[in-house]
Amino acid sequence: MSRRLPAKKQPLKRLPLCVFVRQAEKHESQQQFIATNEYAHMVWHALNRAVFGGVLEFPDKIVVQNRKKWDFWGECEGWQRIRRGEHYTKVIRIHKTLPSAKKFIEIMAHEMVHQYEWERQGIMTHGKNFFAWKDKLAEKGIPLSICV
């Protein structure tokens, strides 16, 4: 009688951002998109490399879930270690069921801009520093707006 070894966890695929954007645009007519944690992690890494030059630290958590009481699609929660003067991202939360995969990528990019602001400047806004990323994201086919 042979025993099966537990399956090894496969590393996340490191696909370029353009692959996610192209796939999302191809399937944009779908009724809805249901995200997974794995997809969220892959999109986060692709955006970090392509848009932010790999400088962002992976948050403590990325949470993909449906929440009835949310009146928004996502949020970025930043914490600080006051004694060290450090700002870090505790969690990025994104709604699991969205109108499209493209919308998921837009929301992740939006929250990552907040992450960049928090980790580099200690603030999160929808002001000048936030919209400084608009052109860089547009080059990748991702609009940046307040109402995502």
C-alpha atoms as a PDB file:
ATOM      1  CA  MET A   1       0.000   0.000   0.000  1.00  0.00           C
ATOM      2  CA  SER A   2       1.577   3.264  -1.096  1.00  0.00           C
ATOM      3  CA  ARG A   3       1.122   6.533   0.725  1.00  0.00           C
ATOM      4  CA  ARG A   4       0.720   9.767  -1.132  1.00  0.00           C
ATOM      5  CA  LEU A   5       2.880  12.654  -0.141  1.00  0.00           C
ATOM      6  CA  PRO A   6       1.113  15.973   0.308  1.00  0.00           C
ATOM      7  CA  ALA A   7       1.244  18.099  -2.816  1.00  0.00           C
ATOM      8  CA  LYS A   8       3.811  20.874  -2.711  1.00  0.00           C
ATOM      9  CA  LYS A   9       2.406  24.345  -2.939  1.00  0.00           C
ATOM     10  CA  GLN A  10       3.220  25.732  -6.360  1.00  0.00           C
ATOM     11  CA  PRO A  11       4.879  29.143  -6.523  1.00  0.00           C
ATOM     12  CA  LEU A  12       2.751  31.948  -7.912  1.00  0.00           C
ATOM     13  CA  LYS A  13       3.094  32.530 -11.630  1.00  0.00           C
ATOM     14  CA  ARG A  14       5.054  35.693 -12.361  1.00  0.00           C
ATOM     15  CA  LEU A  15       3.249  36.902 -15.451  1.00  0.00           C
ATOM     16  CA  PRO A  16       3.808  40.352 -16.919  1.00  0.00           C
ATOM     17  CA  LEU A  17       1.101  42.942 -16.261  1.00  0.00           C
ATOM     18  CA  CYS A  18       0.216  43.181 -19.953  1.00  0.00           C
ATOM     19  CA  VAL A  19      -0.996  39.541 -19.858  1.00  0.00           C
ATOM     20  CA  PHE A  20      -3.505  40.332 -17.098  1.00  0.00           C
ATOM     21  CA  VAL A  21      -4.686  43.520 -18.817  1.00  0.00           C
ATOM     22  CA  ARG A  22      -5.058  41.782 -22.198  1.00  0.00           C
ATOM     23  CA  GLN A  23      -6.997  38.874 -20.667  1.00  0.00           C
ATOM     24  CA  ALA A  24      -9.227  41.273 -18.752  1.00  0.00           C
ATOM     25  CA  GLU A  25      -9.995  43.323 -21.870  1.00  0.00           C
ATOM     26  CA  LYS A  26     -10.727  40.166 -23.849  1.00  0.00           C
ATOM     27  CA  HIS A  27     -13.332  39.015 -21.305  1.00  0.00           C
ATOM     28  CA  GLU A  28     -14.741  42.424 -20.392  1.00  0.00           C
ATOM     29  CA  SER A  29     -18.225  41.549 -21.636  1.00  0.00           C
ATOM     30  CA  GLN A  30     -18.653  38.885 -18.947  1.00  0.00           C
ATOM     31  CA  GLN A  31     -21.472  39.491 -16.478  1.00  0.00           C
ATOM     32  CA  GLN A  32     -19.204  39.402 -13.429  1.00  0.00           C
ATOM     33  CA  PHE A  33     -15.753  38.452 -12.266  1.00  0.00           C
ATOM     34  CA  ILE A  34     -15.064  36.425  -9.135  1.00  0.00           C
ATOM     35  CA  ALA A  35     -11.530  36.974  -7.869  1.00  0.00           C
ATOM     36  CA  THR A  36      -9.380  34.552  -5.907  1.00  0.00           C
ATOM     37  CA  ASN A  37      -6.607  35.261  -3.430  1.00  0.00           C
ATOM     38  CA  GLU A  38      -4.093  33.697  -5.820  1.00  0.00           C
ATOM     39  CA  TYR A  39      -5.212  35.972  -8.661  1.00  0.00           C
ATOM     40  CA  ALA A  40      -4.971  38.995  -6.342  1.00  0.00           C
ATOM     41  CA  HIS A  41      -1.405  38.080  -5.360  1.00  0.00           C
ATOM     42  CA  MET A  42      -0.363  37.603  -8.993  1.00  0.00           C
ATOM     43  CA  VAL A  43      -1.880  40.942 -10.047  1.00  0.00           C
ATOM     44  CA  TRP A  44      -0.251  42.700  -7.059  1.00  0.00           C
ATOM     45  CA  HIS A  45       3.194  41.353  -8.023  1.00  0.00           C
ATOM     46  CA  ALA A  46       2.706  42.222 -11.712  1.00  0.00           C
ATOM     47  CA  LEU A  47       1.646  45.793 -10.868  1.00  0.00           C
ATOM     48  CA  ASN A  48       4.503  46.192  -8.396  1.00  0.00           C
ATOM     49  CA  ARG A  49       7.054  45.205 -11.041  1.00  0.00           C
ATOM     50  CA  ALA A  50       5.539  47.050 -14.018  1.00  0.00           C
ATOM     51  CA  VAL A  51       4.293  50.264 -12.400  1.00  0.00           C
ATOM     52  CA  PHE A  52       6.122  50.721  -9.090  1.00  0.00           C
ATOM     53  CA  GLY A  53       9.508  49.291 -10.086  1.00  0.00           C
ATOM     54  CA  GLY A  54       9.280  46.536  -7.464  1.00  0.00           C
ATOM     55  CA  VAL A  55       9.735  48.941  -4.534  1.00  0.00           C
ATOM     56  CA  LEU A  56       6.554  48.120  -2.597  1.00  0.00           C
ATOM     57  CA  GLU A  57       6.670  45.633   0.271  1.00  0.00           C
ATOM     58  CA  PHE A  58       4.088  42.889   0.035  1.00  0.00           C
ATOM     59  CA  PRO A  59       1.327  43.731   2.543  1.00  0.00           C
ATOM     60  CA  ASP A  60       0.795  41.566   5.601  1.00  0.00           C
ATOM     61  CA  LYS A  61      -2.411  40.401   3.893  1.00  0.00           C
ATOM     62  CA  ILE A  62      -4.393  40.766   0.717  1.00  0.00           C
ATOM     63  CA  VAL A  63      -7.990  39.889   1.471  1.00  0.00           C
ATOM     64  CA  VAL A  64     -10.467  39.091  -1.295  1.00  0.00           C
ATOM     65  CA  GLN A  65     -13.970  38.720   0.092  1.00  0.00           C
ATOM     66  CA  ASN A  66     -17.588  39.711  -0.383  1.00  0.00           C
ATOM     67  CA  ARG A  67     -18.872  42.083   2.250  1.00  0.00           C
ATOM     68  CA  LYS A  68     -22.483  43.209   2.208  1.00  0.00           C
ATOM     69  CA  LYS A  69     -21.913  46.389   4.172  1.00  0.00           C
ATOM     70  CA  TRP A  70     -19.138  47.791   1.950  1.00  0.00           C
ATOM     71  CA  ASP A  71     -20.071  50.816  -0.105  1.00  0.00           C
ATOM     72  CA  PHE A  72     -16.697  50.668  -1.865  1.00  0.00           C
ATOM     73  CA  TRP A  73     -14.749  48.104  -3.897  1.00  0.00           C
ATOM     74  CA  GLY A  74     -11.463  48.135  -2.000  1.00  0.00           C
ATOM     75  CA  GLU A  75      -9.354  49.648   0.743  1.00  0.00           C
ATOM     76  CA  CYS A  76      -5.753  49.933   1.842  1.00  0.00           C
ATOM     77  CA  GLU A  77      -5.040  49.873   5.562  1.00  0.00           C
ATOM     78  CA  GLY A  78      -1.743  51.384   6.602  1.00  0.00           C
ATOM     79  CA  TRP A  79      -0.143  51.083  10.020  1.00  0.00           C
ATOM     80  CA  GLN A  80       2.889  52.711  11.533  1.00  0.00           C
ATOM     81  CA  ARG A  81       5.603  51.776  13.964  1.00  0.00           C
ATOM     82  CA  ILE A  82       5.947  55.085  15.750  1.00  0.00           C
ATOM     83  CA  ARG A  83       9.218  54.360  17.551  1.00  0.00           C
ATOM     84  CA  ARG A  84      10.931  53.434  14.287  1.00  0.00           C
ATOM     85  CA  GLY A  85       9.105  56.019  12.187  1.00  0.00           C
ATOM     86  CA  GLU A  86       8.067  53.321   9.702  1.00  0.00           C
ATOM     87  CA  HIS A  87       4.892  53.140   7.697  1.00  0.00           C
ATOM     88  CA  TYR A  88       3.819  49.776   6.346  1.00  0.00           C
ATOM     89  CA  THR A  89       0.777  48.291   4.688  1.00  0.00           C
ATOM     90  CA  LYS A  90      -1.147  45.950   6.921  1.00  0.00           C
ATOM     91  CA  VAL A  91      -3.841  44.848   4.495  1.00  0.00           C
ATOM     92  CA  ILE A  92      -5.340  45.504   1.074  1.00  0.00           C
ATOM     93  CA  ARG A  93      -8.980  44.430   0.881  1.00  0.00           C
ATOM     94  CA  ILE A  94     -10.812  44.004  -2.409  1.00  0.00           C
ATOM     95  CA  HIS A  95     -14.357  42.896  -3.043  1.00  0.00           C
ATOM     96  CA  LYS A  96     -14.468  39.364  -4.441  1.00  0.00           C
ATOM     97  CA  THR A  97     -17.325  39.776  -6.935  1.00  0.00           C
ATOM     98  CA  LEU A  98     -16.806  42.606  -9.396  1.00  0.00           C
ATOM     99  CA  PRO A  99     -18.239  43.683 -12.751  1.00  0.00           C
ATOM    100  CA  SER A 100     -15.079  42.543 -14.609  1.00  0.00           C
ATOM    101  CA  ALA A 101     -11.455  41.426 -14.289  1.00  0.00           C
ATOM    102  CA  LYS A 102     -10.448  44.828 -15.683  1.00  0.00           C
ATOM    103  CA  LYS A 103     -12.247  46.484 -12.773  1.00  0.00           C
ATOM    104  CA  PHE A 104     -10.328  44.222 -10.366  1.00  0.00           C
ATOM    105  CA  ILE A 105      -6.996  45.356 -11.856  1.00  0.00           C
ATOM    106  CA  GLU A 106      -8.085  49.017 -11.687  1.00  0.00           C
ATOM    107  CA  ILE A 107      -9.057  48.657  -8.020  1.00  0.00           C
ATOM    108  CA  MET A 108      -5.818  46.852  -7.126  1.00  0.00           C
ATOM    109  CA  ALA A 109      -3.822  49.606  -8.870  1.00  0.00           C
ATOM    110  CA  HIS A 110      -5.817  52.266  -7.000  1.00  0.00           C
ATOM    111  CA  GLU A 111      -5.119  50.613  -3.634  1.00  0.00           C
ATOM    112  CA  MET A 112      -1.447  50.154  -4.504  1.00  0.00           C
ATOM    113  CA  VAL A 113      -1.116  53.875  -5.222  1.00  0.00           C
ATOM    114  CA  HIS A 114      -2.428  54.416  -1.691  1.00  0.00           C
ATOM    115  CA  GLN A 115       0.104  51.839  -0.486  1.00  0.00           C
ATOM    116  CA  TYR A 116       2.928  53.724  -2.221  1.00  0.00           C
ATOM    117  CA  GLU A 117       1.769  57.041  -0.726  1.00  0.00           C
ATOM    118  CA  TRP A 118       1.573  55.545   2.757  1.00  0.00           C
ATOM    119  CA  GLU A 119       4.921  53.741   2.677  1.00  0.00           C
ATOM    120  CA  ARG A 120       6.811  56.668   1.084  1.00  0.00           C
ATOM    121  CA  GLN A 121       5.036  59.760   2.413  1.00  0.00           C
ATOM    122  CA  GLY A 122       3.015  58.603   5.434  1.00  0.00           C
ATOM    123  CA  ILE A 123      -0.311  59.767   3.981  1.00  0.00           C
ATOM    124  CA  MET A 124      -3.084  58.387   1.782  1.00  0.00           C
ATOM    125  CA  THR A 125      -4.994  60.905  -0.323  1.00  0.00           C
ATOM    126  CA  HIS A 126      -6.898  61.385  -3.547  1.00  0.00           C
ATOM    127  CA  GLY A 127      -4.849  64.488  -4.229  1.00  0.00           C
ATOM    128  CA  LYS A 128      -1.849  65.577  -6.282  1.00  0.00           C
ATOM    129  CA  ASN A 129       0.457  62.741  -5.142  1.00  0.00           C
ATOM    130  CA  PHE A 130      -2.234  60.161  -5.856  1.00  0.00           C
ATOM    131  CA  PHE A 131      -2.929  61.430  -9.373  1.00  0.00           C
ATOM    132  CA  ALA A 132       0.785  61.682 -10.155  1.00  0.00           C
ATOM    133  CA  TRP A 133       0.431  57.957 -11.035  1.00  0.00           C
ATOM    134  CA  LYS A 134      -2.332  58.519 -13.600  1.00  0.00           C
ATOM    135  CA  ASP A 135      -0.073  58.715 -16.680  1.00  0.00           C
ATOM    136  CA  LYS A 136       2.131  55.792 -15.603  1.00  0.00           C
ATOM    137  CA  LEU A 137      -0.941  53.574 -15.144  1.00  0.00           C
ATOM    138  CA  ALA A 138      -2.523  54.832 -18.389  1.00  0.00           C
ATOM    139  CA  GLU A 139       0.606  53.661 -20.254  1.00  0.00           C
ATOM    140  CA  LYS A 140      -0.271  50.158 -19.033  1.00  0.00           C
ATOM    141  CA  GLY A 141      -3.932  50.477 -20.050  1.00  0.00           C
ATOM    142  CA  ILE A 142      -5.202  51.057 -16.504  1.00  0.00           C
ATOM    143  CA  PRO A 143      -7.263  54.170 -15.710  1.00  0.00           C
ATOM    144  CA  LEU A 144      -6.778  55.779 -12.282  1.00  0.00           C
ATOM    145  CA  SER A 145      -9.789  57.418 -10.735  1.00  0.00           C
ATOM    146  CA  ILE A 146     -11.417  58.015  -7.380  1.00  0.00           C
ATOM    147  CA  CYS A 147     -14.621  56.273  -8.377  1.00  0.00           C
ATOM    148  CA  VAL A 148     -13.321  52.906  -9.546  1.00  0.00           C
END
